[in-house]
Amino acid sequence: MKNFKNISATKGNNLRLFFQQTFFALFGIMSLFSGQTSAQQQQTCAPSTTVSEGDLLPGGIASFGVASGLGSVTVDHINARTGMQSISVVGVPTTAEVSIPAFVPGTFNLVTVNFTTPNPALPTDFTLRVANTFYAIFIRVRCSVTTKPAEHEDGKPQEQ
């Protein structure tokens, strides 16, 4: 009987060790994949921007300055009447994660909107709406594909 007790205790210890090792292996795999996702989300580009008149009174284009940088769009309220009241994303961006910072409505400070591209194999395309009390503009933000498909040694694209 003693031998069976030791065997069952050993089986229990082995089973516990198996589950511990399985847990740590799965945790390691999940960490590896989450690291790849984080790296992909850090893909950014210097976008091209197209500014168009907004949906309020005419004169929005003259009321705001727009500059783009690596993974960002900066808006300057240059018409010193009421300050910048709002910035929002038009629709739901599917090819970018957009981060609009908190700011006090009526600010005359620069406001920088940052974005990342979760899937660098897809082009980035989203629209911002910026407004003060009287004027608004739409800013279309676009980047082309930021990665190329893998290539064979002969320079031809590799099939996946």
C-alpha atoms as a PDB file:
ATOM      1  CA  MET A   1       0.000   0.000   0.000  1.00  0.00           C
ATOM      2  CA  LYS A   2       2.785   2.384   0.809  1.00  0.00           C
ATOM      3  CA  ASN A   3       4.130   2.059  -2.692  1.00  0.00           C
ATOM      4  CA  PHE A   4       0.758   2.918  -4.193  1.00  0.00           C
ATOM      5  CA  LYS A   5       0.520   5.983  -1.978  1.00  0.00           C
ATOM      6  CA  ASN A   6       3.907   7.180  -3.149  1.00  0.00           C
ATOM      7  CA  ILE A   7       3.007   6.485  -6.759  1.00  0.00           C
ATOM      8  CA  SER A   8      -0.253   8.398  -6.512  1.00  0.00           C
ATOM      9  CA  ALA A   9       1.563  11.268  -4.804  1.00  0.00           C
ATOM     10  CA  THR A  10       4.136  11.225  -7.557  1.00  0.00           C
ATOM     11  CA  LYS A  11       1.395  11.209 -10.207  1.00  0.00           C
ATOM     12  CA  GLY A  12      -0.222  14.168  -8.452  1.00  0.00           C
ATOM     13  CA  ASN A  13       3.080  16.018  -8.351  1.00  0.00           C
ATOM     14  CA  ASN A  14       3.727  15.217 -12.000  1.00  0.00           C
ATOM     15  CA  LEU A  15       0.261  16.375 -12.928  1.00  0.00           C
ATOM     16  CA  ARG A  16       0.726  19.599 -10.979  1.00  0.00           C
ATOM     17  CA  LEU A  17       4.148  20.099 -12.595  1.00  0.00           C
ATOM     18  CA  PHE A  18       2.612  19.438 -16.027  1.00  0.00           C
ATOM     19  CA  PHE A  19      -0.091  22.099 -15.471  1.00  0.00           C
ATOM     20  CA  GLN A  20       2.472  24.598 -14.147  1.00  0.00           C
ATOM     21  CA  GLN A  21       4.737  24.068 -17.150  1.00  0.00           C
ATOM     22  CA  THR A  22       1.765  24.272 -19.530  1.00  0.00           C
ATOM     23  CA  PHE A  23       0.639  27.518 -17.911  1.00  0.00           C
ATOM     24  CA  PHE A  24       4.094  29.092 -18.178  1.00  0.00           C
ATOM     25  CA  ALA A  25       4.465  27.909 -21.772  1.00  0.00           C
ATOM     26  CA  LEU A  26       1.088  29.402 -22.733  1.00  0.00           C
ATOM     27  CA  PHE A  27       1.936  32.601 -20.840  1.00  0.00           C
ATOM     28  CA  GLY A  28       5.203  32.835 -22.752  1.00  0.00           C
ATOM     29  CA  ILE A  29       3.485  32.286 -26.106  1.00  0.00           C
ATOM     30  CA  MET A  30       0.834  34.893 -25.279  1.00  0.00           C
ATOM     31  CA  SER A  31       3.549  37.357 -24.259  1.00  0.00           C
ATOM     32  CA  LEU A  32       5.356  36.719 -27.515  1.00  0.00           C
ATOM     33  CA  PHE A  33       2.252  37.354 -29.625  1.00  0.00           C
ATOM     34  CA  SER A  34       1.204  40.385 -27.605  1.00  0.00           C
ATOM     35  CA  GLY A  35       4.688  41.799 -28.143  1.00  0.00           C
ATOM     36  CA  GLN A  36       4.225  41.411 -31.894  1.00  0.00           C
ATOM     37  CA  THR A  37       0.867  43.180 -31.705  1.00  0.00           C
ATOM     38  CA  SER A  38       2.395  46.036 -29.725  1.00  0.00           C
ATOM     39  CA  ALA A  39       5.172  46.360 -32.273  1.00  0.00           C
ATOM     40  CA  GLN A  40       2.630  46.433 -35.102  1.00  0.00           C
ATOM     41  CA  GLN A  41       0.590  49.098 -33.343  1.00  0.00           C
ATOM     42  CA  GLN A  42       3.656  51.290 -33.184  1.00  0.00           C
ATOM     43  CA  GLN A  43       3.781  51.496 -36.987  1.00  0.00           C
ATOM     44  CA  THR A  44       3.360  55.121 -37.944  1.00  0.00           C
ATOM     45  CA  CYS A  45       3.781  57.249 -41.017  1.00  0.00           C
ATOM     46  CA  ALA A  46       4.051  60.893 -41.973  1.00  0.00           C
ATOM     47  CA  PRO A  47       0.598  61.341 -43.488  1.00  0.00           C
ATOM     48  CA  SER A  48      -0.593  63.455 -46.332  1.00  0.00           C
ATOM     49  CA  THR A  49      -3.482  65.664 -45.262  1.00  0.00           C
ATOM     50  CA  THR A  50      -6.262  67.238 -47.260  1.00  0.00           C
ATOM     51  CA  VAL A  51      -8.143  70.112 -45.611  1.00  0.00           C
ATOM     52  CA  SER A  52     -11.632  70.978 -46.787  1.00  0.00           C
ATOM     53  CA  GLU A  53     -14.285  73.456 -45.709  1.00  0.00           C
ATOM     54  CA  GLY A  54     -16.368  72.245 -42.799  1.00  0.00           C
ATOM     55  CA  ASP A  55     -20.084  72.026 -42.215  1.00  0.00           C
ATOM     56  CA  LEU A  56     -20.565  75.441 -40.541  1.00  0.00           C
ATOM     57  CA  LEU A  57     -20.121  78.934 -42.020  1.00  0.00           C
ATOM     58  CA  PRO A  58     -17.584  79.459 -44.847  1.00  0.00           C
ATOM     59  CA  GLY A  59     -14.136  80.553 -43.659  1.00  0.00           C
ATOM     60  CA  GLY A  60     -12.976  77.465 -41.790  1.00  0.00           C
ATOM     61  CA  ILE A  61      -9.870  76.915 -43.897  1.00  0.00           C
ATOM     62  CA  ALA A  62      -8.634  80.406 -43.016  1.00  0.00           C
ATOM     63  CA  SER A  63      -9.344  79.814 -39.311  1.00  0.00           C
ATOM     64  CA  PHE A  64      -7.079  76.804 -38.755  1.00  0.00           C
ATOM     65  CA  GLY A  65      -3.545  75.789 -39.601  1.00  0.00           C
ATOM     66  CA  VAL A  66      -2.751  72.098 -40.099  1.00  0.00           C
ATOM     67  CA  ALA A  67       0.652  70.381 -40.035  1.00  0.00           C
ATOM     68  CA  SER A  68       1.451  66.673 -40.124  1.00  0.00           C
ATOM     69  CA  GLY A  69       4.339  64.765 -38.623  1.00  0.00           C
ATOM     70  CA  LEU A  70       5.306  61.175 -37.957  1.00  0.00           C
ATOM     71  CA  GLY A  71       2.104  59.610 -36.602  1.00  0.00           C
ATOM     72  CA  SER A  72       0.505  62.955 -35.852  1.00  0.00           C
ATOM     73  CA  VAL A  73      -1.554  65.877 -37.091  1.00  0.00           C
ATOM     74  CA  THR A  74      -1.232  69.251 -35.350  1.00  0.00           C
ATOM     75  CA  VAL A  75      -4.028  71.810 -35.517  1.00  0.00           C
ATOM     76  CA  ASP A  76      -3.489  75.512 -34.789  1.00  0.00           C
ATOM     77  CA  HIS A  77      -6.430  77.837 -34.243  1.00  0.00           C
ATOM     78  CA  ILE A  78      -5.164  80.966 -36.001  1.00  0.00           C
ATOM     79  CA  ASN A  79      -8.383  82.978 -36.007  1.00  0.00           C
ATOM     80  CA  ALA A  80      -8.430  84.487 -32.497  1.00  0.00           C
ATOM     81  CA  ARG A  81     -12.194  84.781 -31.996  1.00  0.00           C
ATOM     82  CA  THR A  82     -13.533  81.872 -29.964  1.00  0.00           C
ATOM     83  CA  GLY A  83     -10.683  79.369 -29.906  1.00  0.00           C
ATOM     84  CA  MET A  84     -10.813  75.726 -30.851  1.00  0.00           C
ATOM     85  CA  GLN A  85     -13.983  74.173 -29.460  1.00  0.00           C
ATOM     86  CA  SER A  86     -13.836  70.557 -30.636  1.00  0.00           C
ATOM     87  CA  ILE A  87     -11.860  67.899 -32.454  1.00  0.00           C
ATOM     88  CA  SER A  88     -13.482  64.591 -33.336  1.00  0.00           C
ATOM     89  CA  VAL A  89     -13.016  61.643 -35.652  1.00  0.00           C
ATOM     90  CA  VAL A  90     -15.658  61.406 -38.375  1.00  0.00           C
ATOM     91  CA  GLY A  91     -17.064  57.882 -38.363  1.00  0.00           C
ATOM     92  CA  VAL A  92     -15.131  54.946 -36.960  1.00  0.00           C
ATOM     93  CA  PRO A  93     -11.571  54.630 -38.238  1.00  0.00           C
ATOM     94  CA  THR A  94     -10.870  51.018 -39.211  1.00  0.00           C
ATOM     95  CA  THR A  95      -7.248  51.400 -40.272  1.00  0.00           C
ATOM     96  CA  ALA A  96      -5.945  53.641 -37.482  1.00  0.00           C
ATOM     97  CA  GLU A  97      -6.075  54.049 -33.745  1.00  0.00           C
ATOM     98  CA  VAL A  98      -6.555  57.773 -33.128  1.00  0.00           C
ATOM     99  CA  SER A  99      -5.738  59.520 -29.854  1.00  0.00           C
ATOM    100  CA  ILE A 100      -7.170  63.013 -29.356  1.00  0.00           C
ATOM    101  CA  PRO A 101      -5.711  64.714 -26.280  1.00  0.00           C
ATOM    102  CA  ALA A 102      -7.892  66.409 -23.692  1.00  0.00           C
ATOM    103  CA  PHE A 103      -7.950  70.189 -24.081  1.00  0.00           C
ATOM    104  CA  VAL A 104     -10.012  73.047 -22.738  1.00  0.00           C
ATOM    105  CA  PRO A 105     -12.617  74.164 -25.314  1.00  0.00           C
ATOM    106  CA  GLY A 106     -11.758  77.661 -26.485  1.00  0.00           C
ATOM    107  CA  THR A 107      -8.010  76.990 -26.467  1.00  0.00           C
ATOM    108  CA  PHE A 108      -5.692  78.926 -28.721  1.00  0.00           C
ATOM    109  CA  ASN A 109      -2.873  76.396 -28.136  1.00  0.00           C
ATOM    110  CA  LEU A 110      -1.725  73.832 -30.669  1.00  0.00           C
ATOM    111  CA  VAL A 111      -3.506  70.497 -30.354  1.00  0.00           C
ATOM    112  CA  THR A 112      -1.706  67.399 -31.648  1.00  0.00           C
ATOM    113  CA  VAL A 113      -3.721  64.315 -32.553  1.00  0.00           C
ATOM    114  CA  ASN A 114      -1.626  61.108 -32.604  1.00  0.00           C
ATOM    115  CA  PHE A 115      -2.360  57.884 -34.431  1.00  0.00           C
ATOM    116  CA  THR A 116      -0.917  54.438 -34.993  1.00  0.00           C
ATOM    117  CA  THR A 117      -1.575  51.856 -37.649  1.00  0.00           C
ATOM    118  CA  PRO A 118      -2.595  48.468 -36.207  1.00  0.00           C
ATOM    119  CA  ASN A 119      -2.067  46.693 -39.539  1.00  0.00           C
ATOM    120  CA  PRO A 120       0.810  48.217 -41.518  1.00  0.00           C
ATOM    121  CA  ALA A 121      -0.197  46.120 -44.541  1.00  0.00           C
ATOM    122  CA  LEU A 122      -3.281  48.350 -44.956  1.00  0.00           C
ATOM    123  CA  PRO A 123      -3.270  52.031 -45.892  1.00  0.00           C
ATOM    124  CA  THR A 124      -4.264  54.507 -43.171  1.00  0.00           C
ATOM    125  CA  ASP A 125      -7.277  56.685 -43.912  1.00  0.00           C
ATOM    126  CA  PHE A 126      -9.445  58.654 -41.474  1.00  0.00           C
ATOM    127  CA  THR A 127     -11.026  62.107 -41.212  1.00  0.00           C
ATOM    128  CA  LEU A 128     -10.953  64.618 -38.367  1.00  0.00           C
ATOM    129  CA  ARG A 129     -13.478  67.388 -37.829  1.00  0.00           C
ATOM    130  CA  VAL A 130     -12.127  70.514 -36.099  1.00  0.00           C
ATOM    131  CA  ALA A 131     -14.411  73.394 -35.128  1.00  0.00           C
ATOM    132  CA  ASN A 132     -14.672  76.657 -33.262  1.00  0.00           C
ATOM    133  CA  THR A 133     -17.987  78.388 -32.624  1.00  0.00           C
ATOM    134  CA  PHE A 134     -18.473  79.607 -36.212  1.00  0.00           C
ATOM    135  CA  TYR A 135     -16.182  77.609 -38.515  1.00  0.00           C
ATOM    136  CA  ALA A 136     -15.189  74.005 -39.082  1.00  0.00           C
ATOM    137  CA  ILE A 137     -12.789  72.043 -41.261  1.00  0.00           C
ATOM    138  CA  PHE A 138     -12.421  68.419 -42.237  1.00  0.00           C
ATOM    139  CA  ILE A 139      -8.904  66.977 -42.289  1.00  0.00           C
ATOM    140  CA  ARG A 140      -8.493  63.764 -44.265  1.00  0.00           C
ATOM    141  CA  VAL A 141      -5.409  61.902 -43.055  1.00  0.00           C
ATOM    142  CA  ARG A 142      -3.887  59.278 -45.346  1.00  0.00           C
ATOM    143  CA  CYS A 143      -0.805  57.078 -45.478  1.00  0.00           C
ATOM    144  CA  SER A 144       0.008  54.468 -48.048  1.00  0.00           C
ATOM    145  CA  VAL A 145       0.926  50.905 -47.059  1.00  0.00           C
ATOM    146  CA  THR A 146       3.878  51.001 -44.661  1.00  0.00           C
ATOM    147  CA  THR A 147       5.218  47.457 -45.244  1.00  0.00           C
ATOM    148  CA  LYS A 148       6.161  45.472 -48.313  1.00  0.00           C
ATOM    149  CA  PRO A 149       5.463  41.775 -48.825  1.00  0.00           C
ATOM    150  CA  ALA A 150       8.418  39.447 -48.220  1.00  0.00           C
ATOM    151  CA  GLU A 151      10.521  38.784 -51.294  1.00  0.00           C
ATOM    152  CA  HIS A 152      12.409  35.751 -52.563  1.00  0.00           C
ATOM    153  CA  GLU A 153      16.089  36.002 -53.357  1.00  0.00           C
ATOM    154  CA  ASP A 154      15.170  36.620 -57.011  1.00  0.00           C
ATOM    155  CA  GLY A 155      13.280  39.801 -56.012  1.00  0.00           C
ATOM    156  CA  LYS A 156       9.802  38.433 -56.747  1.00  0.00           C
ATOM    157  CA  PRO A 157       7.096  38.705 -54.056  1.00  0.00           C
ATOM    158  CA  GLN A 158       6.802  35.633 -51.866  1.00  0.00           C
ATOM    159  CA  GLU A 159       3.415  33.928 -51.947  1.00  0.00           C
ATOM    160  CA  GLN A 160       1.768  33.370 -48.582  1.00  0.00           C
END
